[in-house]
PDB file of N, CA and C in Angstrom:
ATOM      1  N   MET A   1      52.822  32.923  26.651  1.00  0.00           N
ATOM      2  CA  MET A   1      51.979  33.798  25.839  1.00  0.00           C
ATOM      3  C   MET A   1      52.565  35.210  25.768  1.00  0.00           C
ATOM      4  N   LEU A   2      53.101  35.672  26.886  1.00  0.00           N
ATOM      5  CA  LEU A   2      53.691  36.999  26.915  1.00  0.00           C
ATOM      6  C   LEU A   2      54.898  37.081  25.991  1.00  0.00           C
ATOM      7  N   ASP A   3      55.656  35.970  25.893  1.00  0.00           N
ATOM      8  CA  ASP A   3      56.803  35.931  24.984  1.00  0.00           C
ATOM      9  C   ASP A   3      56.372  36.130  23.539  1.00  0.00           C
ATOM     10  N   ILE A   4      55.270  35.505  23.166  1.00  0.00           N
ATOM     11  CA  ILE A   4      54.780  35.637  21.788  1.00  0.00           C
ATOM     12  C   ILE A   4      54.402  37.091  21.511  1.00  0.00           C
ATOM     13  N   ILE A   5      53.695  37.716  22.443  1.00  0.00           N
ATOM     14  CA  ILE A   5      53.281  39.110  22.268  1.00  0.00           C
ATOM     15  C   ILE A   5      54.509  40.016  22.171  1.00  0.00           C
ATOM     16  N   GLU A   6      55.481  39.772  23.033  1.00  0.00           N
ATOM     17  CA  GLU A   6      56.707  40.578  23.011  1.00  0.00           C
ATOM     18  C   GLU A   6      57.452  40.400  21.683  1.00  0.00           C
ATOM     19  N   ASN A   7      57.573  39.171  21.220  1.00  0.00           N
ATOM     20  CA  ASN A   7      58.286  38.928  19.965  1.00  0.00           C
ATOM     21  C   ASN A   7      57.536  39.487  18.759  1.00  0.00           C
ATOM     22  N   VAL A   8      56.218  39.427  18.786  1.00  0.00           N
ATOM     23  CA  VAL A   8      55.428  40.032  17.705  1.00  0.00           C
ATOM     24  C   VAL A   8      55.640  41.550  17.714  1.00  0.00           C
ATOM     25  N   ALA A   9      55.666  42.161  18.898  1.00  0.00           N
ATOM     26  CA  ALA A   9      55.896  43.608  18.992  1.00  0.00           C
ATOM     27  C   ALA A   9      57.281  43.985  18.465  1.00  0.00           C
ATOM     28  N   VAL A  10      58.274  43.177  18.789  1.00  0.00           N
ATOM     29  CA  VAL A  10      59.621  43.422  18.264  1.00  0.00           C
ATOM     30  C   VAL A  10      59.606  43.292  16.747  1.00  0.00           C
ATOM     31  N   GLY A  11      58.927  42.271  16.226  1.00  0.00           N
ATOM     32  CA  GLY A  11      58.828  42.087  14.774  1.00  0.00           C
ATOM     33  C   GLY A  11      58.143  43.263  14.094  1.00  0.00           C
ATOM     34  N   VAL A  12      57.097  43.784  14.719  1.00  0.00           N
ATOM     35  CA  VAL A  12      56.393  44.953  14.174  1.00  0.00           C
ATOM     36  C   VAL A  12      57.335  46.158  14.146  1.00  0.00           C
ATOM     37  N   SER A  13      58.056  46.368  15.234  1.00  0.00           N
ATOM     38  CA  SER A  13      58.994  47.499  15.302  1.00  0.00           C
ATOM     39  C   SER A  13      60.065  47.398  14.219  1.00  0.00           C
ATOM     40  N   LEU A  14      60.622  46.212  14.053  1.00  0.00           N
ATOM     41  CA  LEU A  14      61.647  46.036  13.029  1.00  0.00           C
ATOM     42  C   LEU A  14      61.055  46.147  11.629  1.00  0.00           C
ATOM     43  N   GLY A  15      59.809  45.706  11.466  1.00  0.00           N
ATOM     44  CA  GLY A  15      59.140  45.869  10.180  1.00  0.00           C
ATOM     45  C   GLY A  15      58.970  47.332   9.817  1.00  0.00           C
ATOM     46  N   ILE A  16      58.646  48.146  10.806  1.00  0.00           N
ATOM     47  CA  ILE A  16      58.535  49.595  10.586  1.00  0.00           C
ATOM     48  C   ILE A  16      59.890  50.172  10.186  1.00  0.00           C
ATOM     49  N   LEU A  17      60.942  49.784  10.896  1.00  0.00           N
ATOM     50  CA  LEU A  17      62.287  50.278  10.591  1.00  0.00           C
ATOM     51  C   LEU A  17      62.698  49.918   9.163  1.00  0.00           C
ATOM     52  N   VAL A  18      62.498  48.662   8.794  1.00  0.00           N
ATOM     53  CA  VAL A  18      62.881  48.226   7.447  1.00  0.00           C
ATOM     54  C   VAL A  18      62.007  48.919   6.400  1.00  0.00           C
ATOM     55  N   GLY A  19      60.712  49.016   6.642  1.00  0.00           N
ATOM     56  CA  GLY A  19      59.810  49.653   5.684  1.00  0.00           C
ATOM     57  C   GLY A  19      60.110  51.119   5.456  1.00  0.00           C
ATOM     58  N   VAL A  20      60.351  51.845   6.533  1.00  0.00           N
ATOM     59  CA  VAL A  20      60.653  53.277   6.409  1.00  0.00           C
ATOM     60  C   VAL A  20      62.001  53.488   5.733  1.00  0.00           C
ATOM     61  N   SER A  21      63.000  52.687   6.104  1.00  0.00           N
ATOM     62  CA  SER A  21      64.313  52.846   5.464  1.00  0.00           C
ATOM     63  C   SER A  21      64.241  52.484   3.981  1.00  0.00           C
ATOM     64  N   GLY A  22      63.410  51.501   3.638  1.00  0.00           N
ATOM     65  CA  GLY A  22      63.213  51.153   2.231  1.00  0.00           C
ATOM     66  C   GLY A  22      62.562  52.285   1.456  1.00  0.00           C
ATOM     67  N   TYR A  23      61.593  52.944   2.066  1.00  0.00           N
ATOM     68  CA  TYR A  23      60.939  54.090   1.426  1.00  0.00           C
ATOM     69  C   TYR A  23      61.926  55.238   1.214  1.00  0.00           C
ATOM     70  N   LEU A  24      62.718  55.529   2.231  1.00  0.00           N
ATOM     71  CA  LEU A  24      63.640  56.661   2.154  1.00  0.00           C
ATOM     72  C   LEU A  24      64.738  56.481   1.112  1.00  0.00           C
ATOM     73  N   LYS A  25      65.045  55.246   0.747  1.00  0.00           N
ATOM     74  CA  LYS A  25      66.120  55.031  -0.226  1.00  0.00           C
ATOM     75  C   LYS A  25      65.680  55.375  -1.647  1.00  0.00           C
ATOM     76  N   ASN A  26      64.386  55.440  -1.892  1.00  0.00           N
ATOM     77  CA  ASN A  26      63.875  55.678  -3.237  1.00  0.00           C
ATOM     78  C   ASN A  26      63.482  57.136  -3.410  1.00  0.00           C
ATOM     79  N   VAL A  27      64.338  57.869  -4.078  1.00  0.00           N
ATOM     80  CA  VAL A  27      64.116  59.296  -4.311  1.00  0.00           C
ATOM     81  C   VAL A  27      62.863  59.496  -5.156  1.00  0.00           C
ATOM     82  N   GLY A  28      61.970  60.324  -4.684  1.00  0.00           N
ATOM     83  CA  GLY A  28      60.789  60.683  -5.453  1.00  0.00           C
ATOM     84  C   GLY A  28      59.655  59.673  -5.410  1.00  0.00           C
ATOM     85  N   GLU A  29      59.827  58.561  -4.725  1.00  0.00           N
ATOM     86  CA  GLU A  29      58.750  57.572  -4.651  1.00  0.00           C
ATOM     87  C   GLU A  29      57.659  58.068  -3.718  1.00  0.00           C
ATOM     88  N   LYS A  30      56.417  57.930  -4.145  1.00  0.00           N
ATOM     89  CA  LYS A  30      55.297  58.307  -3.304  1.00  0.00           C
ATOM     90  C   LYS A  30      55.155  57.271  -2.185  1.00  0.00           C
ATOM     91  N   PHE A  31      54.886  57.753  -0.963  1.00  0.00           N
ATOM     92  CA  PHE A  31      54.724  56.847   0.175  1.00  0.00           C
ATOM     93  C   PHE A  31      53.513  55.958  -0.048  1.00  0.00           C
ATOM     94  N   LYS A  32      53.697  54.659   0.157  1.00  0.00           N
ATOM     95  CA  LYS A  32      52.611  53.691  -0.017  1.00  0.00           C
ATOM     96  C   LYS A  32      52.390  52.974   1.305  1.00  0.00           C
ATOM     97  N   SER A  33      51.339  53.378   2.004  1.00  0.00           N
ATOM     98  CA  SER A  33      51.076  52.798   3.318  1.00  0.00           C
ATOM     99  C   SER A  33      50.803  51.299   3.231  1.00  0.00           C
ATOM    100  N   ARG A  34      50.202  50.865   2.158  1.00  0.00           N
ATOM    101  CA  ARG A  34      49.915  49.433   1.989  1.00  0.00           C
ATOM    102  C   ARG A  34      51.215  48.627   1.935  1.00  0.00           C
ATOM    103  N   LYS A  35      52.204  49.158   1.257  1.00  0.00           N
ATOM    104  CA  LYS A  35      53.506  48.497   1.160  1.00  0.00           C
ATOM    105  C   LYS A  35      54.161  48.419   2.542  1.00  0.00           C
ATOM    106  N   LEU A  36      54.073  49.508   3.311  1.00  0.00           N
ATOM    107  CA  LEU A  36      54.623  49.510   4.659  1.00  0.00           C
ATOM    108  C   LEU A  36      53.897  48.499   5.542  1.00  0.00           C
ATOM    109  N   MET A  37      52.585  48.441   5.438  1.00  0.00           N
ATOM    110  CA  MET A  37      51.809  47.513   6.257  1.00  0.00           C
ATOM    111  C   MET A  37      52.169  46.053   5.954  1.00  0.00           C
ATOM    112  N   LYS A  38      52.471  45.752   4.697  1.00  0.00           N
ATOM    113  CA  LYS A  38      52.897  44.394   4.344  1.00  0.00           C
ATOM    114  C   LYS A  38      54.209  44.050   5.039  1.00  0.00           C
ATOM    115  N   THR A  39      55.141  44.983   5.050  1.00  0.00           N
ATOM    116  CA  THR A  39      56.428  44.751   5.699  1.00  0.00           C
ATOM    117  C   THR A  39      56.249  44.601   7.206  1.00  0.00           C
ATOM    118  N   VAL A  40      55.398  45.415   7.792  1.00  0.00           N
ATOM    119  CA  VAL A  40      55.121  45.327   9.229  1.00  0.00           C
ATOM    120  C   VAL A  40      54.463  43.979   9.545  1.00  0.00           C
ATOM    121  N   ALA A  41      53.538  43.538   8.700  1.00  0.00           N
ATOM    122  CA  ALA A  41      52.872  42.249   8.907  1.00  0.00           C
ATOM    123  C   ALA A  41      53.875  41.095   8.847  1.00  0.00           C
ATOM    124  N   VAL A  42      54.795  41.157   7.902  1.00  0.00           N
ATOM    125  CA  VAL A  42      55.831  40.125   7.810  1.00  0.00           C
ATOM    126  C   VAL A  42      56.659  40.115   9.087  1.00  0.00           C
ATOM    127  N   GLY A  43      57.019  41.286   9.592  1.00  0.00           N
ATOM    128  CA  GLY A  43      57.770  41.368  10.843  1.00  0.00           C
ATOM    129  C   GLY A  43      57.010  40.745  12.001  1.00  0.00           C
ATOM    130  N   ALA A  44      55.721  40.997  12.074  1.00  0.00           N
ATOM    131  CA  ALA A  44      54.896  40.427  13.145  1.00  0.00           C
ATOM    132  C   ALA A  44      54.847  38.908  13.051  1.00  0.00           C
ATOM    133  N   VAL A  45      54.667  38.388  11.847  1.00  0.00           N
ATOM    134  CA  VAL A  45      54.615  36.939  11.643  1.00  0.00           C
ATOM    135  C   VAL A  45      55.951  36.296  12.004  1.00  0.00           C
ATOM    136  N   VAL A  46      57.035  36.900  11.551  1.00  0.00           N
ATOM    137  CA  VAL A  46      58.369  36.375  11.869  1.00  0.00           C
ATOM    138  C   VAL A  46      58.595  36.372  13.383  1.00  0.00           C
ATOM    139  N   GLY A  47      58.204  37.438  14.049  1.00  0.00           N
ATOM    140  CA  GLY A  47      58.332  37.490  15.502  1.00  0.00           C
ATOM    141  C   GLY A  47      57.527  36.404  16.191  1.00  0.00           C
ATOM    142  N   GLY A  48      56.315  36.183  15.737  1.00  0.00           N
ATOM    143  CA  GLY A  48      55.463  35.133  16.309  1.00  0.00           C
ATOM    144  C   GLY A  48      56.018  33.743  16.073  1.00  0.00           C
ATOM    145  N   ILE A  49      56.474  33.496  14.859  1.00  0.00           N
ATOM    146  CA  ILE A  49      57.052  32.187  14.529  1.00  0.00           C
ATOM    147  C   ILE A  49      58.320  31.939  15.336  1.00  0.00           C
ATOM    148  N   ALA A  50      59.149  32.959  15.475  1.00  0.00           N
ATOM    149  CA  ALA A  50      60.378  32.823  16.267  1.00  0.00           C
ATOM    150  C   ALA A  50      60.043  32.423  17.698  1.00  0.00           C
ATOM    151  N   SER A  51      58.983  32.975  18.234  1.00  0.00           N
ATOM    152  CA  SER A  51      58.572  32.648  19.597  1.00  0.00           C
ATOM    153  C   SER A  51      58.082  31.209  19.688  1.00  0.00           C
ATOM    154  N   VAL A  52      57.263  30.800  18.741  1.00  0.00           N
ATOM    155  CA  VAL A  52      56.731  29.437  18.737  1.00  0.00           C
ATOM    156  C   VAL A  52      57.858  28.409  18.575  1.00  0.00           C
ATOM    157  N   LEU A  53      58.868  28.743  17.773  1.00  0.00           N
ATOM    158  CA  LEU A  53      59.997  27.836  17.546  1.00  0.00           C
ATOM    159  C   LEU A  53      61.082  27.958  18.623  1.00  0.00           C
ATOM    160  N   ASN A  54      60.816  28.767  19.632  1.00  0.00           N
ATOM    161  CA  ASN A  54      61.762  28.970  20.742  1.00  0.00           C
ATOM    162  C   ASN A  54      63.128  29.459  20.280  1.00  0.00           C
ATOM    163  N   VAL A  55      63.122  30.375  19.334  1.00  0.00           N
ATOM    164  CA  VAL A  55      64.375  30.988  18.894  1.00  0.00           C
ATOM    165  C   VAL A  55      64.841  31.903  20.019  1.00  0.00           C
ATOM    166  N   SER A  56      66.063  31.686  20.490  1.00  0.00           N
ATOM    167  CA  SER A  56      66.576  32.488  21.599  1.00  0.00           C
ATOM    168  C   SER A  56      66.918  33.896  21.113  1.00  0.00           C
ATOM    169  N   TYR A  57      66.998  34.822  22.072  1.00  0.00           N
ATOM    170  CA  TYR A  57      67.388  36.179  21.713  1.00  0.00           C
ATOM    171  C   TYR A  57      68.802  36.208  21.151  1.00  0.00           C
ATOM    172  N   LEU A  58      69.654  35.318  21.642  1.00  0.00           N
ATOM    173  CA  LEU A  58      71.024  35.242  21.137  1.00  0.00           C
ATOM    174  C   LEU A  58      71.035  34.840  19.659  1.00  0.00           C
ATOM    175  N   GLN A  59      70.218  33.853  19.299  1.00  0.00           N
ATOM    176  CA  GLN A  59      70.109  33.454  17.891  1.00  0.00           C
ATOM    177  C   GLN A  59      69.522  34.586  17.052  1.00  0.00           C
ATOM    178  N   ALA A  60      68.460  35.183  17.552  1.00  0.00           N
ATOM    179  CA  ALA A  60      67.810  36.268  16.808  1.00  0.00           C
ATOM    180  C   ALA A  60      68.758  37.446  16.630  1.00  0.00           C
ATOM    181  N   GLU A  61      69.534  37.734  17.670  1.00  0.00           N
ATOM    182  CA  GLU A  61      70.496  38.826  17.582  1.00  0.00           C
ATOM    183  C   GLU A  61      71.554  38.539  16.526  1.00  0.00           C
ATOM    184  N   ALA A  62      72.008  37.314  16.460  1.00  0.00           N
ATOM    185  CA  ALA A  62      73.002  36.934  15.452  1.00  0.00           C
ATOM    186  C   ALA A  62      72.418  37.067  14.049  1.00  0.00           C
ATOM    187  N   TRP A  63      71.170  36.635  13.876  1.00  0.00           N
ATOM    188  CA  TRP A  63      70.531  36.757  12.553  1.00  0.00           C
ATOM    189  C   TRP A  63      70.331  38.218  12.187  1.00  0.00           C
ATOM    190  N   LEU A  64      69.927  39.017  13.155  1.00  0.00           N
ATOM    191  CA  LEU A  64      69.742  40.442  12.902  1.00  0.00           C
ATOM    192  C   LEU A  64      71.054  41.091  12.487  1.00  0.00           C
ATOM    193  N   ALA A  65      72.107  40.734  13.198  1.00  0.00           N
ATOM    194  CA  ALA A  65      73.418  41.324  12.898  1.00  0.00           C
ATOM    195  C   ALA A  65      73.886  40.967  11.500  1.00  0.00           C
ATOM    196  N   THR A  66      73.526  39.780  11.016  1.00  0.00           N
ATOM    197  CA  THR A  66      74.011  39.358   9.705  1.00  0.00           C
ATOM    198  C   THR A  66      73.045  39.654   8.569  1.00  0.00           C
ATOM    199  N   ALA A  67      71.773  39.864   8.866  1.00  0.00           N
ATOM    200  CA  ALA A  67      70.793  40.087   7.800  1.00  0.00           C
ATOM    201  C   ALA A  67      70.107  41.440   7.903  1.00  0.00           C
ATOM    202  N   GLY A  68      69.426  41.690   8.997  1.00  0.00           N
ATOM    203  CA  GLY A  68      68.648  42.921   9.139  1.00  0.00           C
ATOM    204  C   GLY A  68      69.479  44.178   9.076  1.00  0.00           C
ATOM    205  N   VAL A  69      70.606  44.170   9.738  1.00  0.00           N
ATOM    206  CA  VAL A  69      71.466  45.349   9.735  1.00  0.00           C
ATOM    207  C   VAL A  69      71.992  45.615   8.326  1.00  0.00           C
ATOM    208  N   ILE A  70      72.281  44.539   7.598  1.00  0.00           N
ATOM    209  CA  ILE A  70      72.748  44.692   6.212  1.00  0.00           C
ATOM    210  C   ILE A  70      71.696  45.417   5.376  1.00  0.00           C
ATOM    211  N   VAL A  71      70.454  45.027   5.521  1.00  0.00           N
ATOM    212  CA  VAL A  71      69.368  45.648   4.753  1.00  0.00           C
ATOM    213  C   VAL A  71      69.224  47.123   5.109  1.00  0.00           C
ATOM    214  N   VAL A  72      69.211  47.434   6.392  1.00  0.00           N
ATOM    215  CA  VAL A  72      69.040  48.818   6.818  1.00  0.00           C
ATOM    216  C   VAL A  72      70.219  49.675   6.360  1.00  0.00           C
ATOM    217  N   VAL A  73      71.436  49.178   6.545  1.00  0.00           N
ATOM    218  CA  VAL A  73      72.616  49.937   6.114  1.00  0.00           C
ATOM    219  C   VAL A  73      72.584  50.149   4.603  1.00  0.00           C
ATOM    220  N   GLU A  74      72.232  49.110   3.856  1.00  0.00           N
ATOM    221  CA  GLU A  74      72.147  49.253   2.402  1.00  0.00           C
ATOM    222  C   GLU A  74      71.111  50.308   2.019  1.00  0.00           C
ATOM    223  N   ASN A  75      69.963  50.313   2.681  1.00  0.00           N
ATOM    224  CA  ASN A  75      68.927  51.308   2.383  1.00  0.00           C
ATOM    225  C   ASN A  75      69.389  52.725   2.724  1.00  0.00           C
ATOM    226  N   VAL A  76      70.080  52.889   3.832  1.00  0.00           N
ATOM    227  CA  VAL A  76      70.595  54.211   4.201  1.00  0.00           C
ATOM    228  C   VAL A  76      71.617  54.688   3.177  1.00  0.00           C
ATOM    229  N   VAL A  77      72.531  53.808   2.784  1.00  0.00           N
ATOM    230  CA  VAL A  77      73.545  54.171   1.790  1.00  0.00           C
ATOM    231  C   VAL A  77      72.876  54.555   0.469  1.00  0.00           C
ATOM    232  N   LYS A  78      71.896  53.760   0.030  1.00  0.00           N
ATOM    233  CA  LYS A  78      71.185  54.077  -1.215  1.00  0.00           C
ATOM    234  C   LYS A  78      70.461  55.413  -1.107  1.00  0.00           C
ATOM    235  N   SER A  79      69.845  55.663   0.049  1.00  0.00           N
ATOM    236  CA  SER A  79      69.131  56.922   0.247  1.00  0.00           C
ATOM    237  C   SER A  79      70.065  58.114   0.103  1.00  0.00           C
ATOM    238  N   VAL A  80      71.191  58.060   0.795  1.00  0.00           N
ATOM    239  CA  VAL A  80      72.167  59.152   0.736  1.00  0.00           C
ATOM    240  C   VAL A  80      72.732  59.270  -0.673  1.00  0.00           C
ATOM    241  N   TRP A  81      73.127  58.156  -1.273  1.00  0.00           N
ATOM    242  CA  TRP A  81      73.740  58.157  -2.611  1.00  0.00           C
ATOM    243  C   TRP A  81      72.787  58.735  -3.655  1.00  0.00           C
ATOM    244  N   ARG A  82      71.549  58.288  -3.625  1.00  0.00           N
ATOM    245  CA  ARG A  82      70.581  58.744  -4.638  1.00  0.00           C
ATOM    246  C   ARG A  82      70.249  60.224  -4.484  1.00  0.00           C
ATOM    247  N   ARG A  83      70.214  60.704  -3.277  1.00  0.00           N
ATOM    248  CA  ARG A  83      69.961  62.131  -3.083  1.00  0.00           C
ATOM    249  C   ARG A  83      71.185  62.957  -3.478  1.00  0.00           C
ATOM    250  N   TRP A  84      72.361  62.442  -3.209  1.00  0.00           N
ATOM    251  CA  TRP A  84      73.598  63.129  -3.569  1.00  0.00           C
ATOM    252  C   TRP A  84      73.765  63.161  -5.083  1.00  0.00           C
ATOM    253  N   ARG A  85      73.464  62.057  -5.751  1.00  0.00           N
ATOM    254  CA  ARG A  85      73.593  61.970  -7.197  1.00  0.00           C
ATOM    255  C   ARG A  85      72.450  62.679  -7.917  1.00  0.00           C
ATOM    256  N   GLY A  86      71.332  62.840  -7.226  1.00  0.00           N
ATOM    257  CA  GLY A  86      70.207  63.542  -7.823  1.00  0.00           C
ATOM    258  C   GLY A  86      69.370  62.700  -8.757  1.00  0.00           C
ATOM    259  N   LYS A  87      69.533  61.393  -8.683  1.00  0.00           N
ATOM    260  CA  LYS A  87      68.713  60.507  -9.507  1.00  0.00           C
ATOM    261  C   LYS A  87      68.504  59.182  -8.791  1.00  0.00           C
ATOM    262  N   ASP A  88      67.648  58.366  -9.362  1.00  0.00           N
ATOM    263  CA  ASP A  88      67.265  57.086  -8.731  1.00  0.00           C
ATOM    264  C   ASP A  88      68.169  55.970  -9.268  1.00  0.00           C
ATOM    265  N   GLY A  89      69.429  55.949  -8.877  1.00  0.00           N
ATOM    266  CA  GLY A  89      70.287  54.858  -9.333  1.00  0.00           C
ATOM    267  C   GLY A  89      71.715  55.040  -9.049  1.00  0.00           C
TER     268      GLY A  89
END
């Protein structure tokens, strides 16, 4: 049971990271808490499912390295690029 709670907490944390980085990439977009909460909820569900399916930390780390990091890096690059260019694109 503790594993499920821990994995849900990790999912929530990563959902916050992805949601905030997604917001920051869009120049001039108004912050939408509902949109962030949806991303956080998805992170929590993914964390819970990973625990139920006995996904090891090694597997999760590999998936994060190939998927999650790509998303965050892409959002950071878009954020910097759009602010440097002065437009949304």
